[in-house]
Amino acid sequence: MALPDEELLKRPDGGLPPLDSVEAIEAVERDEHVKLDRANQAASILNNPLFDQAFQAVEQELIDFLKQSKPEEAPDVQRTLKLLDLVRASLTEHIRTGQLASHALNGLRKKKSWYSNRRA
């Protein structure tokens, strides 16, 4: 069973598998950096006023159309509104994943330092 994000953040390992070498840590670091980059891109989109205005305008157009639509058209419009919500939710999920990646990277830095000092 997967732990909720909050529980993973509390763990000192950030929910990462055991890593036994600097090379293994660096491989995981690369993956976590990709997640962090995606989170930053998602945040840029969500925080962009132009995106927000466009999103709200499309949403309002759909709602207005729904109010005037025939009963048989309503399910299609409702599905489209749900898809808009899914787009926003997907971007938000990337941000959450990036927060976990940031926490994991902090733990990886400590672990990498420990292995590097052990080699010396």
PDB file of N, CA and C in Angstrom:
ATOM      1  N   MET A   1       0.837  -1.182   0.000  1.00  0.00           N
ATOM      2  CA  MET A   1       0.000   0.000   0.000  1.00  0.00           C
ATOM      3  C   MET A   1       0.880   1.244   0.000  1.00  0.00           C
ATOM      4  N   ALA A   2       0.609   2.172  -0.895  1.00  0.00           N
ATOM      5  CA  ALA A   2       1.400   3.401  -0.994  1.00  0.00           C
ATOM      6  C   ALA A   2       1.081   4.331   0.167  1.00  0.00           C
ATOM      7  N   LEU A   3       2.119   4.972   0.661  1.00  0.00           N
ATOM      8  CA  LEU A   3       1.938   5.927   1.745  1.00  0.00           C
ATOM      9  C   LEU A   3       1.465   7.262   1.177  1.00  0.00           C
ATOM     10  N   PRO A   4       0.644   7.990   1.930  1.00  0.00           N
ATOM     11  CA  PRO A   4       0.269   9.336   1.480  1.00  0.00           C
ATOM     12  C   PRO A   4       1.508  10.226   1.415  1.00  0.00           C
ATOM     13  N   ASP A   5       1.435  11.264   0.581  1.00  0.00           N
ATOM     14  CA  ASP A   5       2.562  12.175   0.400  1.00  0.00           C
ATOM     15  C   ASP A   5       3.124  12.673   1.724  1.00  0.00           C
ATOM     16  N   GLU A   6       2.237  13.031   2.655  1.00  0.00           N
ATOM     17  CA  GLU A   6       2.691  13.589   3.931  1.00  0.00           C
ATOM     18  C   GLU A   6       3.545  12.572   4.702  1.00  0.00           C
ATOM     19  N   GLU A   7       3.163  11.312   4.631  1.00  0.00           N
ATOM     20  CA  GLU A   7       3.922  10.274   5.335  1.00  0.00           C
ATOM     21  C   GLU A   7       5.296  10.076   4.701  1.00  0.00           C
ATOM     22  N   LEU A   8       5.355  10.121   3.365  1.00  0.00           N
ATOM     23  CA  LEU A   8       6.641   9.985   2.687  1.00  0.00           C
ATOM     24  C   LEU A   8       7.579  11.125   3.059  1.00  0.00           C
ATOM     25  N   LEU A   9       7.019  12.329   3.154  1.00  0.00           N
ATOM     26  CA  LEU A   9       7.859  13.479   3.482  1.00  0.00           C
ATOM     27  C   LEU A   9       8.437  13.383   4.891  1.00  0.00           C
ATOM     28  N   LYS A  10       7.741  12.704   5.792  1.00  0.00           N
ATOM     29  CA  LYS A  10       8.210  12.572   7.172  1.00  0.00           C
ATOM     30  C   LYS A  10       9.346  11.553   7.295  1.00  0.00           C
ATOM     31  N   ARG A  11       9.410  10.610   6.358  1.00  0.00           N
ATOM     32  CA  ARG A  11      10.445   9.579   6.433  1.00  0.00           C
ATOM     33  C   ARG A  11      11.798  10.167   6.069  1.00  0.00           C
ATOM     34  N   PRO A  12      12.851   9.802   6.788  1.00  0.00           N
ATOM     35  CA  PRO A  12      14.159  10.369   6.483  1.00  0.00           C
ATOM     36  C   PRO A  12      14.680   9.986   5.099  1.00  0.00           C
ATOM     37  N   ASP A  13      14.228   8.843   4.566  1.00  0.00           N
ATOM     38  CA  ASP A  13      14.684   8.419   3.249  1.00  0.00           C
ATOM     39  C   ASP A  13      13.799   8.946   2.128  1.00  0.00           C
ATOM     40  N   GLY A  14      12.740   9.686   2.482  1.00  0.00           N
ATOM     41  CA  GLY A  14      11.837  10.225   1.477  1.00  0.00           C
ATOM     42  C   GLY A  14      11.105   9.148   0.702  1.00  0.00           C
ATOM     43  N   GLY A  15      11.070   7.916   1.237  1.00  0.00           N
ATOM     44  CA  GLY A  15      10.378   6.826   0.568  1.00  0.00           C
ATOM     45  C   GLY A  15      11.211   6.152  -0.505  1.00  0.00           C
ATOM     46  N   LEU A  16      12.507   6.433  -0.529  1.00  0.00           N
ATOM     47  CA  LEU A  16      13.377   5.861  -1.549  1.00  0.00           C
ATOM     48  C   LEU A  16      13.799   4.442  -1.171  1.00  0.00           C
ATOM     49  N   PRO A  17      14.111   3.627  -2.182  1.00  0.00           N
ATOM     50  CA  PRO A  17      14.626   2.299  -1.879  1.00  0.00           C
ATOM     51  C   PRO A  17      16.029   2.415  -1.292  1.00  0.00           C
ATOM     52  N   PRO A  18      16.507   1.372  -0.623  1.00  0.00           N
ATOM     53  CA  PRO A  18      17.865   1.424  -0.083  1.00  0.00           C
ATOM     54  C   PRO A  18      18.882   1.588  -1.223  1.00  0.00           C
ATOM     55  N   LEU A  19      19.828   2.467  -1.013  1.00  0.00           N
ATOM     56  CA  LEU A  19      20.849   2.720  -2.028  1.00  0.00           C
ATOM     57  C   LEU A  19      22.209   2.428  -1.415  1.00  0.00           C
ATOM     58  N   ASP A  20      23.021   1.636  -2.123  1.00  0.00           N
ATOM     59  CA  ASP A  20      24.263   1.181  -1.517  1.00  0.00           C
ATOM     60  C   ASP A  20      25.530   1.649  -2.224  1.00  0.00           C
ATOM     61  N   SER A  21      25.414   2.638  -3.103  1.00  0.00           N
ATOM     62  CA  SER A  21      26.609   3.174  -3.755  1.00  0.00           C
ATOM     63  C   SER A  21      26.320   4.583  -4.268  1.00  0.00           C
ATOM     64  N   VAL A  22      27.389   5.320  -4.496  1.00  0.00           N
ATOM     65  CA  VAL A  22      27.256   6.665  -5.049  1.00  0.00           C
ATOM     66  C   VAL A  22      26.612   6.595  -6.427  1.00  0.00           C
ATOM     67  N   GLU A  23      26.968   5.576  -7.211  1.00  0.00           N
ATOM     68  CA  GLU A  23      26.416   5.428  -8.558  1.00  0.00           C
ATOM     69  C   GLU A  23      24.903   5.205  -8.511  1.00  0.00           C
ATOM     70  N   ALA A  24      24.459   4.368  -7.593  1.00  0.00           N
ATOM     71  CA  ALA A  24      23.024   4.111  -7.451  1.00  0.00           C
ATOM     72  C   ALA A  24      22.293   5.382  -7.038  1.00  0.00           C
ATOM     73  N   ILE A  25      22.907   6.123  -6.138  1.00  0.00           N
ATOM     74  CA  ILE A  25      22.315   7.381  -5.687  1.00  0.00           C
ATOM     75  C   ILE A  25      22.214   8.364  -6.847  1.00  0.00           C
ATOM     76  N   GLU A  26      23.267   8.450  -7.657  1.00  0.00           N
ATOM     77  CA  GLU A  26      23.264   9.379  -8.790  1.00  0.00           C
ATOM     78  C   GLU A  26      22.186   9.011  -9.813  1.00  0.00           C
ATOM     79  N   ALA A  27      21.940   7.738 -10.006  1.00  0.00           N
ATOM     80  CA  ALA A  27      20.888   7.312 -10.933  1.00  0.00           C
ATOM     81  C   ALA A  27      19.518   7.770 -10.434  1.00  0.00           C
ATOM     82  N   VAL A  28      19.279   7.604  -9.146  1.00  0.00           N
ATOM     83  CA  VAL A  28      18.006   8.033  -8.577  1.00  0.00           C
ATOM     84  C   VAL A  28      17.921   9.560  -8.595  1.00  0.00           C
ATOM     85  N   GLU A  29      19.035  10.217  -8.348  1.00  0.00           N
ATOM     86  CA  GLU A  29      19.060  11.690  -8.388  1.00  0.00           C
ATOM     87  C   GLU A  29      18.602  12.214  -9.747  1.00  0.00           C
ATOM     88  N   ARG A  30      19.071  11.570 -10.817  1.00  0.00           N
ATOM     89  CA  ARG A  30      18.669  11.998 -12.161  1.00  0.00           C
ATOM     90  C   ARG A  30      17.146  11.916 -12.313  1.00  0.00           C
ATOM     91  N   ASP A  31      16.570  10.817 -11.860  1.00  0.00           N
ATOM     92  CA  ASP A  31      15.113  10.661 -11.944  1.00  0.00           C
ATOM     93  C   ASP A  31      14.388  11.720 -11.127  1.00  0.00           C
ATOM     94  N   GLU A  32      14.894  12.010  -9.941  1.00  0.00           N
ATOM     95  CA  GLU A  32      14.257  12.998  -9.073  1.00  0.00           C
ATOM     96  C   GLU A  32      14.381  14.404  -9.664  1.00  0.00           C
ATOM     97  N   HIS A  33      15.495  14.676 -10.328  1.00  0.00           N
ATOM     98  CA  HIS A  33      15.662  15.991 -10.977  1.00  0.00           C
ATOM     99  C   HIS A  33      14.661  16.161 -12.123  1.00  0.00           C
ATOM    100  N   VAL A  34      14.380  15.078 -12.848  1.00  0.00           N
ATOM    101  CA  VAL A  34      13.375  15.140 -13.916  1.00  0.00           C
ATOM    102  C   VAL A  34      12.015  15.489 -13.312  1.00  0.00           C
ATOM    103  N   LYS A  35      11.670  14.850 -12.200  1.00  0.00           N
ATOM    104  CA  LYS A  35      10.398  15.134 -11.531  1.00  0.00           C
ATOM    105  C   LYS A  35      10.345  16.584 -11.056  1.00  0.00           C
ATOM    106  N   LEU A  36      11.449  17.059 -10.526  1.00  0.00           N
ATOM    107  CA  LEU A  36      11.513  18.438 -10.047  1.00  0.00           C
ATOM    108  C   LEU A  36      11.374  19.426 -11.211  1.00  0.00           C
ATOM    109  N   ASP A  37      12.018  19.137 -12.337  1.00  0.00           N
ATOM    110  CA  ASP A  37      11.885  19.996 -13.519  1.00  0.00           C
ATOM    111  C   ASP A  37      10.441  20.042 -14.009  1.00  0.00           C
ATOM    112  N   ARG A  38       9.789  18.879 -14.030  1.00  0.00           N
ATOM    113  CA  ARG A  38       8.386  18.832 -14.452  1.00  0.00           C
ATOM    114  C   ARG A  38       7.514  19.646 -13.496  1.00  0.00           C
ATOM    115  N   ALA A  39       7.808  19.556 -12.215  1.00  0.00           N
ATOM    116  CA  ALA A  39       7.045  20.318 -11.219  1.00  0.00           C
ATOM    117  C   ALA A  39       7.198  21.813 -11.458  1.00  0.00           C
ATOM    118  N   ASN A  40       8.413  22.240 -11.742  1.00  0.00           N
ATOM    119  CA  ASN A  40       8.654  23.659 -12.006  1.00  0.00           C
ATOM    120  C   ASN A  40       7.910  24.120 -13.258  1.00  0.00           C
ATOM    121  N   GLN A  41       7.898  23.276 -14.292  1.00  0.00           N
ATOM    122  CA  GLN A  41       7.173  23.618 -15.509  1.00  0.00           C
ATOM    123  C   GLN A  41       5.667  23.695 -15.237  1.00  0.00           C
ATOM    124  N   ALA A  42       5.154  22.731 -14.478  1.00  0.00           N
ATOM    125  CA  ALA A  42       3.723  22.724 -14.144  1.00  0.00           C
ATOM    126  C   ALA A  42       3.358  23.963 -13.336  1.00  0.00           C
ATOM    127  N   ALA A  43       4.205  24.328 -12.391  1.00  0.00           N
ATOM    128  CA  ALA A  43       3.943  25.523 -11.576  1.00  0.00           C
ATOM    129  C   ALA A  43       3.952  26.777 -12.448  1.00  0.00           C
ATOM    130  N   SER A  44       4.867  26.830 -13.414  1.00  0.00           N
ATOM    131  CA  SER A  44       4.922  27.981 -14.318  1.00  0.00           C
ATOM    132  C   SER A  44       3.629  28.110 -15.115  1.00  0.00           C
ATOM    133  N   ILE A  45       3.100  26.974 -15.534  1.00  0.00           N
ATOM    134  CA  ILE A  45       1.845  26.998 -16.294  1.00  0.00           C
ATOM    135  C   ILE A  45       0.687  27.433 -15.402  1.00  0.00           C
ATOM    136  N   LEU A  46       0.570  26.788 -14.240  1.00  0.00           N
ATOM    137  CA  LEU A  46      -0.554  27.103 -13.352  1.00  0.00           C
ATOM    138  C   LEU A  46      -0.507  28.530 -12.833  1.00  0.00           C
ATOM    139  N   ASN A  47       0.689  29.069 -12.668  1.00  0.00           N
ATOM    140  CA  ASN A  47       0.835  30.427 -12.147  1.00  0.00           C
ATOM    141  C   ASN A  47       0.843  31.486 -13.241  1.00  0.00           C
ATOM    142  N   ASN A  48       0.719  31.058 -14.490  1.00  0.00           N
ATOM    143  CA  ASN A  48       0.731  31.988 -15.605  1.00  0.00           C
ATOM    144  C   ASN A  48      -0.655  32.626 -15.744  1.00  0.00           C
ATOM    145  N   PRO A  49      -0.741  33.945 -15.621  1.00  0.00           N
ATOM    146  CA  PRO A  49      -2.052  34.607 -15.714  1.00  0.00           C
ATOM    147  C   PRO A  49      -2.759  34.357 -17.047  1.00  0.00           C
ATOM    148  N   LEU A  50      -2.002  34.259 -18.123  1.00  0.00           N
ATOM    149  CA  LEU A  50      -2.600  34.016 -19.431  1.00  0.00           C
ATOM    150  C   LEU A  50      -3.273  32.641 -19.476  1.00  0.00           C
ATOM    151  N   PHE A  51      -2.581  31.638 -18.925  1.00  0.00           N
ATOM    152  CA  PHE A  51      -3.178  30.303 -18.857  1.00  0.00           C
ATOM    153  C   PHE A  51      -4.448  30.339 -18.011  1.00  0.00           C
ATOM    154  N   ASP A  52      -4.374  31.000 -16.887  1.00  0.00           N
ATOM    155  CA  ASP A  52      -5.521  31.057 -15.985  1.00  0.00           C
ATOM    156  C   ASP A  52      -6.713  31.744 -16.662  1.00  0.00           C
ATOM    157  N   GLN A  53      -6.441  32.845 -17.344  1.00  0.00           N
ATOM    158  CA  GLN A  53      -7.517  33.552 -18.048  1.00  0.00           C
ATOM    159  C   GLN A  53      -8.121  32.679 -19.148  1.00  0.00           C
ATOM    160  N   ALA A  54      -7.269  32.021 -19.914  1.00  0.00           N
ATOM    161  CA  ALA A  54      -7.755  31.156 -20.990  1.00  0.00           C
ATOM    162  C   ALA A  54      -8.566  30.001 -20.426  1.00  0.00           C
ATOM    163  N   PHE A  55      -8.072  29.399 -19.365  1.00  0.00           N
ATOM    164  CA  PHE A  55      -8.759  28.277 -18.734  1.00  0.00           C
ATOM    165  C   PHE A  55     -10.135  28.709 -18.231  1.00  0.00           C
ATOM    166  N   GLN A  56     -10.183  29.850 -17.556  1.00  0.00           N
ATOM    167  CA  GLN A  56     -11.451  30.361 -17.035  1.00  0.00           C
ATOM    168  C   GLN A  56     -12.413  30.723 -18.158  1.00  0.00           C
ATOM    169  N   ALA A  57     -11.890  31.274 -19.239  1.00  0.00           N
ATOM    170  CA  ALA A  57     -12.749  31.655 -20.365  1.00  0.00           C
ATOM    171  C   ALA A  57     -13.377  30.414 -21.014  1.00  0.00           C
ATOM    172  N   VAL A  58     -12.582  29.388 -21.221  1.00  0.00           N
ATOM    173  CA  VAL A  58     -13.105  28.150 -21.809  1.00  0.00           C
ATOM    174  C   VAL A  58     -14.126  27.525 -20.868  1.00  0.00           C
ATOM    175  N   GLU A  59     -13.787  27.499 -19.601  1.00  0.00           N
ATOM    176  CA  GLU A  59     -14.708  26.929 -18.611  1.00  0.00           C
ATOM    177  C   GLU A  59     -16.040  27.692 -18.596  1.00  0.00           C
ATOM    178  N   GLN A  60     -15.972  29.010 -18.627  1.00  0.00           N
ATOM    179  CA  GLN A  60     -17.195  29.818 -18.617  1.00  0.00           C
ATOM    180  C   GLN A  60     -18.014  29.603 -19.888  1.00  0.00           C
ATOM    181  N   GLU A  61     -17.330  29.512 -21.025  1.00  0.00           N
ATOM    182  CA  GLU A  61     -18.034  29.247 -22.294  1.00  0.00           C
ATOM    183  C   GLU A  61     -18.779  27.914 -22.215  1.00  0.00           C
ATOM    184  N   LEU A  62     -18.133  26.909 -21.656  1.00  0.00           N
ATOM    185  CA  LEU A  62     -18.775  25.596 -21.521  1.00  0.00           C
ATOM    186  C   LEU A  62     -19.978  25.656 -20.583  1.00  0.00           C
ATOM    187  N   ILE A  63     -19.835  26.378 -19.497  1.00  0.00           N
ATOM    188  CA  ILE A  63     -20.945  26.508 -18.538  1.00  0.00           C
ATOM    189  C   ILE A  63     -22.112  27.253 -19.184  1.00  0.00           C
ATOM    190  N   ASP A  64     -21.800  28.322 -19.892  1.00  0.00           N
ATOM    191  CA  ASP A  64     -22.853  29.068 -20.580  1.00  0.00           C
ATOM    192  C   ASP A  64     -23.547  28.197 -21.623  1.00  0.00           C
ATOM    193  N   PHE A  65     -22.761  27.424 -22.360  1.00  0.00           N
ATOM    194  CA  PHE A  65     -23.336  26.526 -23.353  1.00  0.00           C
ATOM    195  C   PHE A  65     -24.205  25.468 -22.683  1.00  0.00           C
ATOM    196  N   LEU A  66     -23.733  24.962 -21.548  1.00  0.00           N
ATOM    197  CA  LEU A  66     -24.485  23.939 -20.815  1.00  0.00           C
ATOM    198  C   LEU A  66     -25.850  24.470 -20.380  1.00  0.00           C
ATOM    199  N   LYS A  67     -25.887  25.706 -19.947  1.00  0.00           N
ATOM    200  CA  LYS A  67     -27.149  26.318 -19.499  1.00  0.00           C
ATOM    201  C   LYS A  67     -28.165  26.414 -20.636  1.00  0.00           C
ATOM    202  N   GLN A  68     -27.666  26.572 -21.849  1.00  0.00           N
ATOM    203  CA  GLN A  68     -28.553  26.753 -22.995  1.00  0.00           C
ATOM    204  C   GLN A  68     -28.706  25.484 -23.843  1.00  0.00           C
ATOM    205  N   SER A  69     -27.994  24.446 -23.463  1.00  0.00           N
ATOM    206  CA  SER A  69     -27.974  23.245 -24.306  1.00  0.00           C
ATOM    207  C   SER A  69     -29.230  22.401 -24.145  1.00  0.00           C
ATOM    208  N   LYS A  70     -29.408  21.565 -25.115  1.00  0.00           N
ATOM    209  CA  LYS A  70     -30.491  20.590 -25.073  1.00  0.00           C
ATOM    210  C   LYS A  70     -30.076  19.481 -24.112  1.00  0.00           C
ATOM    211  N   PRO A  71     -31.022  18.795 -23.509  1.00  0.00           N
ATOM    212  CA  PRO A  71     -30.691  17.739 -22.552  1.00  0.00           C
ATOM    213  C   PRO A  71     -29.740  16.677 -23.119  1.00  0.00           C
ATOM    214  N   GLU A  72     -29.877  16.368 -24.396  1.00  0.00           N
ATOM    215  CA  GLU A  72     -29.005  15.342 -24.984  1.00  0.00           C
ATOM    216  C   GLU A  72     -27.568  15.841 -25.191  1.00  0.00           C
ATOM    217  N   GLU A  73     -27.355  17.159 -25.165  1.00  0.00           N
ATOM    218  CA  GLU A  73     -26.011  17.719 -25.318  1.00  0.00           C
ATOM    219  C   GLU A  73     -25.277  17.833 -23.984  1.00  0.00           C
ATOM    220  N   ALA A  74     -26.017  17.844 -22.912  1.00  0.00           N
ATOM    221  CA  ALA A  74     -25.435  18.069 -21.581  1.00  0.00           C
ATOM    222  C   ALA A  74     -24.322  17.085 -21.216  1.00  0.00           C
ATOM    223  N   PRO A  75     -24.488  15.785 -21.446  1.00  0.00           N
ATOM    224  CA  PRO A  75     -23.408  14.868 -21.045  1.00  0.00           C
ATOM    225  C   PRO A  75     -22.064  15.169 -21.711  1.00  0.00           C
ATOM    226  N   ASP A  76     -22.091  15.573 -22.973  1.00  0.00           N
ATOM    227  CA  ASP A  76     -20.841  15.900 -23.660  1.00  0.00           C
ATOM    228  C   ASP A  76     -20.165  17.120 -23.045  1.00  0.00           C
ATOM    229  N   VAL A  77     -20.957  18.119 -22.736  1.00  0.00           N
ATOM    230  CA  VAL A  77     -20.403  19.340 -22.138  1.00  0.00           C
ATOM    231  C   VAL A  77     -19.878  19.038 -20.734  1.00  0.00           C
ATOM    232  N   GLN A  78     -20.617  18.238 -19.978  1.00  0.00           N
ATOM    233  CA  GLN A  78     -20.172  17.871 -18.631  1.00  0.00           C
ATOM    234  C   GLN A  78     -18.856  17.093 -18.692  1.00  0.00           C
ATOM    235  N   ARG A  79     -18.729  16.205 -19.670  1.00  0.00           N
ATOM    236  CA  ARG A  79     -17.473  15.464 -19.837  1.00  0.00           C
ATOM    237  C   ARG A  79     -16.318  16.415 -20.146  1.00  0.00           C
ATOM    238  N   THR A  80     -16.585  17.390 -20.991  1.00  0.00           N
ATOM    239  CA  THR A  80     -15.549  18.362 -21.350  1.00  0.00           C
ATOM    240  C   THR A  80     -15.130  19.177 -20.124  1.00  0.00           C
ATOM    241  N   LEU A  81     -16.088  19.570 -19.305  1.00  0.00           N
ATOM    242  CA  LEU A  81     -15.758  20.292 -18.065  1.00  0.00           C
ATOM    243  C   LEU A  81     -14.909  19.430 -17.138  1.00  0.00           C
ATOM    244  N   LYS A  82     -15.239  18.154 -17.062  1.00  0.00           N
ATOM    245  CA  LYS A  82     -14.442  17.240 -16.225  1.00  0.00           C
ATOM    246  C   LYS A  82     -13.030  17.097 -16.774  1.00  0.00           C
ATOM    247  N   LEU A  83     -12.907  17.076 -18.091  1.00  0.00           N
ATOM    248  CA  LEU A  83     -11.577  16.996 -18.696  1.00  0.00           C
ATOM    249  C   LEU A  83     -10.741  18.231 -18.370  1.00  0.00           C
ATOM    250  N   LEU A  84     -11.364  19.389 -18.360  1.00  0.00           N
ATOM    251  CA  LEU A  84     -10.654  20.607 -17.961  1.00  0.00           C
ATOM    252  C   LEU A  84     -10.135  20.484 -16.531  1.00  0.00           C
ATOM    253  N   ASP A  85     -10.976  19.960 -15.655  1.00  0.00           N
ATOM    254  CA  ASP A  85     -10.550  19.743 -14.266  1.00  0.00           C
ATOM    255  C   ASP A  85      -9.391  18.760 -14.194  1.00  0.00           C
ATOM    256  N   LEU A  86      -9.428  17.741 -15.055  1.00  0.00           N
ATOM    257  CA  LEU A  86      -8.343  16.753 -15.070  1.00  0.00           C
ATOM    258  C   LEU A  86      -7.017  17.367 -15.518  1.00  0.00           C
ATOM    259  N   VAL A  87      -7.083  18.316 -16.441  1.00  0.00           N
ATOM    260  CA  VAL A  87      -5.861  18.999 -16.878  1.00  0.00           C
ATOM    261  C   VAL A  87      -5.233  19.740 -15.692  1.00  0.00           C
ATOM    262  N   ARG A  88      -6.054  20.490 -14.977  1.00  0.00           N
ATOM    263  CA  ARG A  88      -5.545  21.232 -13.817  1.00  0.00           C
ATOM    264  C   ARG A  88      -5.039  20.268 -12.735  1.00  0.00           C
ATOM    265  N   ALA A  89      -5.777  19.188 -12.512  1.00  0.00           N
ATOM    266  CA  ALA A  89      -5.375  18.208 -11.504  1.00  0.00           C
ATOM    267  C   ALA A  89      -4.056  17.535 -11.873  1.00  0.00           C
ATOM    268  N   SER A  90      -3.868  17.274 -13.147  1.00  0.00           N
ATOM    269  CA  SER A  90      -2.618  16.654 -13.597  1.00  0.00           C
ATOM    270  C   SER A  90      -1.427  17.570 -13.336  1.00  0.00           C
ATOM    271  N   LEU A  91      -1.588  18.837 -13.642  1.00  0.00           N
ATOM    272  CA  LEU A  91      -0.506  19.796 -13.379  1.00  0.00           C
ATOM    273  C   LEU A  91      -0.231  19.907 -11.880  1.00  0.00           C
ATOM    274  N   THR A  92      -1.278  19.921 -11.100  1.00  0.00           N
ATOM    275  CA  THR A  92      -1.132  19.991  -9.646  1.00  0.00           C
ATOM    276  C   THR A  92      -0.407  18.747  -9.117  1.00  0.00           C
ATOM    277  N   GLU A  93      -0.714  17.607  -9.688  1.00  0.00           N
ATOM    278  CA  GLU A  93      -0.049  16.360  -9.273  1.00  0.00           C
ATOM    279  C   GLU A  93       1.446  16.406  -9.577  1.00  0.00           C
ATOM    280  N   HIS A  94       1.815  17.002 -10.703  1.00  0.00           N
ATOM    281  CA  HIS A  94       3.246  17.155 -11.015  1.00  0.00           C
ATOM    282  C   HIS A  94       3.935  18.020  -9.953  1.00  0.00           C
ATOM    283  N   ILE A  95       3.241  19.028  -9.484  1.00  0.00           N
ATOM    284  CA  ILE A  95       3.817  19.890  -8.443  1.00  0.00           C
ATOM    285  C   ILE A  95       4.012  19.091  -7.157  1.00  0.00           C
ATOM    286  N   ARG A  96       3.012  18.300  -6.769  1.00  0.00           N
ATOM    287  CA  ARG A  96       3.134  17.459  -5.567  1.00  0.00           C
ATOM    288  C   ARG A  96       4.281  16.468  -5.700  1.00  0.00           C
ATOM    289  N   THR A  97       4.383  15.864  -6.864  1.00  0.00           N
ATOM    290  CA  THR A  97       5.471  14.920  -7.113  1.00  0.00           C
ATOM    291  C   THR A  97       6.821  15.630  -7.014  1.00  0.00           C
ATOM    292  N   GLY A  98       6.879  16.860  -7.498  1.00  0.00           N
ATOM    293  CA  GLY A  98       8.111  17.641  -7.396  1.00  0.00           C
ATOM    294  C   GLY A  98       8.485  17.953  -5.955  1.00  0.00           C
ATOM    295  N   GLN A  99       7.481  18.184  -5.119  1.00  0.00           N
ATOM    296  CA  GLN A  99       7.761  18.421  -3.698  1.00  0.00           C
ATOM    297  C   GLN A  99       8.375  17.178  -3.069  1.00  0.00           C
ATOM    298  N   LEU A 100       7.852  16.012  -3.419  1.00  0.00           N
ATOM    299  CA  LEU A 100       8.432  14.764  -2.923  1.00  0.00           C
ATOM    300  C   LEU A 100       9.845  14.572  -3.465  1.00  0.00           C
ATOM    301  N   ALA A 101      10.039  14.912  -4.736  1.00  0.00           N
ATOM    302  CA  ALA A 101      11.362  14.775  -5.341  1.00  0.00           C
ATOM    303  C   ALA A 101      12.370  15.691  -4.651  1.00  0.00           C
ATOM    304  N   SER A 102      11.952  16.893  -4.312  1.00  0.00           N
ATOM    305  CA  SER A 102      12.833  17.825  -3.617  1.00  0.00           C
ATOM    306  C   SER A 102      13.264  17.259  -2.266  1.00  0.00           C
ATOM    307  N   HIS A 103      12.312  16.694  -1.559  1.00  0.00           N
ATOM    308  CA  HIS A 103      12.620  16.069  -0.274  1.00  0.00           C
ATOM    309  C   HIS A 103      13.570  14.880  -0.474  1.00  0.00           C
ATOM    310  N   ALA A 104      13.288  14.082  -1.485  1.00  0.00           N
ATOM    311  CA  ALA A 104      14.139  12.919  -1.762  1.00  0.00           C
ATOM    312  C   ALA A 104      15.554  13.358  -2.125  1.00  0.00           C
ATOM    313  N   LEU A 105      15.675  14.428  -2.906  1.00  0.00           N
ATOM    314  CA  LEU A 105      17.007  14.910  -3.289  1.00  0.00           C
ATOM    315  C   LEU A 105      17.809  15.358  -2.074  1.00  0.00           C
ATOM    316  N   ASN A 106      17.151  15.968  -1.108  1.00  0.00           N
ATOM    317  CA  ASN A 106      17.859  16.345   0.122  1.00  0.00           C
ATOM    318  C   ASN A 106      18.410  15.116   0.825  1.00  0.00           C
ATOM    319  N   GLY A 107      17.585  14.071   0.913  1.00  0.00           N
ATOM    320  CA  GLY A 107      18.048  12.825   1.525  1.00  0.00           C
ATOM    321  C   GLY A 107      19.164  12.170   0.729  1.00  0.00           C
ATOM    322  N   LEU A 108      19.063  12.230  -0.588  1.00  0.00           N
ATOM    323  CA  LEU A 108      20.100  11.641  -1.447  1.00  0.00           C
ATOM    324  C   LEU A 108      21.429  12.368  -1.288  1.00  0.00           C
ATOM    325  N   ARG A 109      21.383  13.685  -1.149  1.00  0.00           N
ATOM    326  CA  ARG A 109      22.628  14.442  -0.962  1.00  0.00           C
ATOM    327  C   ARG A 109      23.350  13.996   0.305  1.00  0.00           C
ATOM    328  N   LYS A 110      22.577  13.804   1.361  1.00  0.00           N
ATOM    329  CA  LYS A 110      23.182  13.358   2.630  1.00  0.00           C
ATOM    330  C   LYS A 110      23.768  11.958   2.476  1.00  0.00           C
ATOM    331  N   LYS A 111      22.998  11.088   1.840  1.00  0.00           N
ATOM    332  CA  LYS A 111      23.457   9.713   1.660  1.00  0.00           C
ATOM    333  C   LYS A 111      24.703   9.668   0.768  1.00  0.00           C
ATOM    334  N   LYS A 112      24.694  10.452  -0.299  1.00  0.00           N
ATOM    335  CA  LYS A 112      25.825  10.499  -1.222  1.00  0.00           C
ATOM    336  C   LYS A 112      27.068  11.011  -0.516  1.00  0.00           C
ATOM    337  N   SER A 113      26.893  12.021   0.309  1.00  0.00           N
ATOM    338  CA  SER A 113      28.015  12.566   1.076  1.00  0.00           C
ATOM    339  C   SER A 113      28.592  11.498   2.004  1.00  0.00           C
ATOM    340  N   TRP A 114      27.715  10.741   2.638  1.00  0.00           N
ATOM    341  CA  TRP A 114      28.168   9.696   3.557  1.00  0.00           C
ATOM    342  C   TRP A 114      28.981   8.647   2.801  1.00  0.00           C
ATOM    343  N   TYR A 115      28.490   8.197   1.635  1.00  0.00           N
ATOM    344  CA  TYR A 115      29.220   7.199   0.849  1.00  0.00           C
ATOM    345  C   TYR A 115      30.529   7.768   0.317  1.00  0.00           C
ATOM    346  N   SER A 116      30.521   9.022  -0.102  1.00  0.00           N
ATOM    347  CA  SER A 116      31.746   9.641  -0.611  1.00  0.00           C
ATOM    348  C   SER A 116      32.798   9.738   0.486  1.00  0.00           C
ATOM    349  N   ASN A 117      32.399  10.120   1.694  1.00  0.00           N
ATOM    350  CA  ASN A 117      33.323  10.219   2.820  1.00  0.00           C
ATOM    351  C   ASN A 117      33.844   8.840   3.223  1.00  0.00           C
ATOM    352  N   ARG A 118      33.012   7.843   3.066  1.00  0.00           N
ATOM    353  CA  ARG A 118      33.410   6.472   3.408  1.00  0.00           C
ATOM    354  C   ARG A 118      34.487   5.962   2.460  1.00  0.00           C
ATOM    355  N   ARG A 119      34.407   6.373   1.196  1.00  0.00           N
ATOM    356  CA  ARG A 119      35.392   5.951   0.194  1.00  0.00           C
ATOM    357  C   ARG A 119      36.759   6.589   0.434  1.00  0.00           C
ATOM    358  N   ALA A 120      36.724   7.812   0.948  1.00  0.00           N
ATOM    359  CA  ALA A 120      37.980   8.577   1.098  1.00  0.00           C
ATOM    360  C   ALA A 120      38.875   8.013   2.166  1.00  0.00           C
TER     361      ALA A 120
END
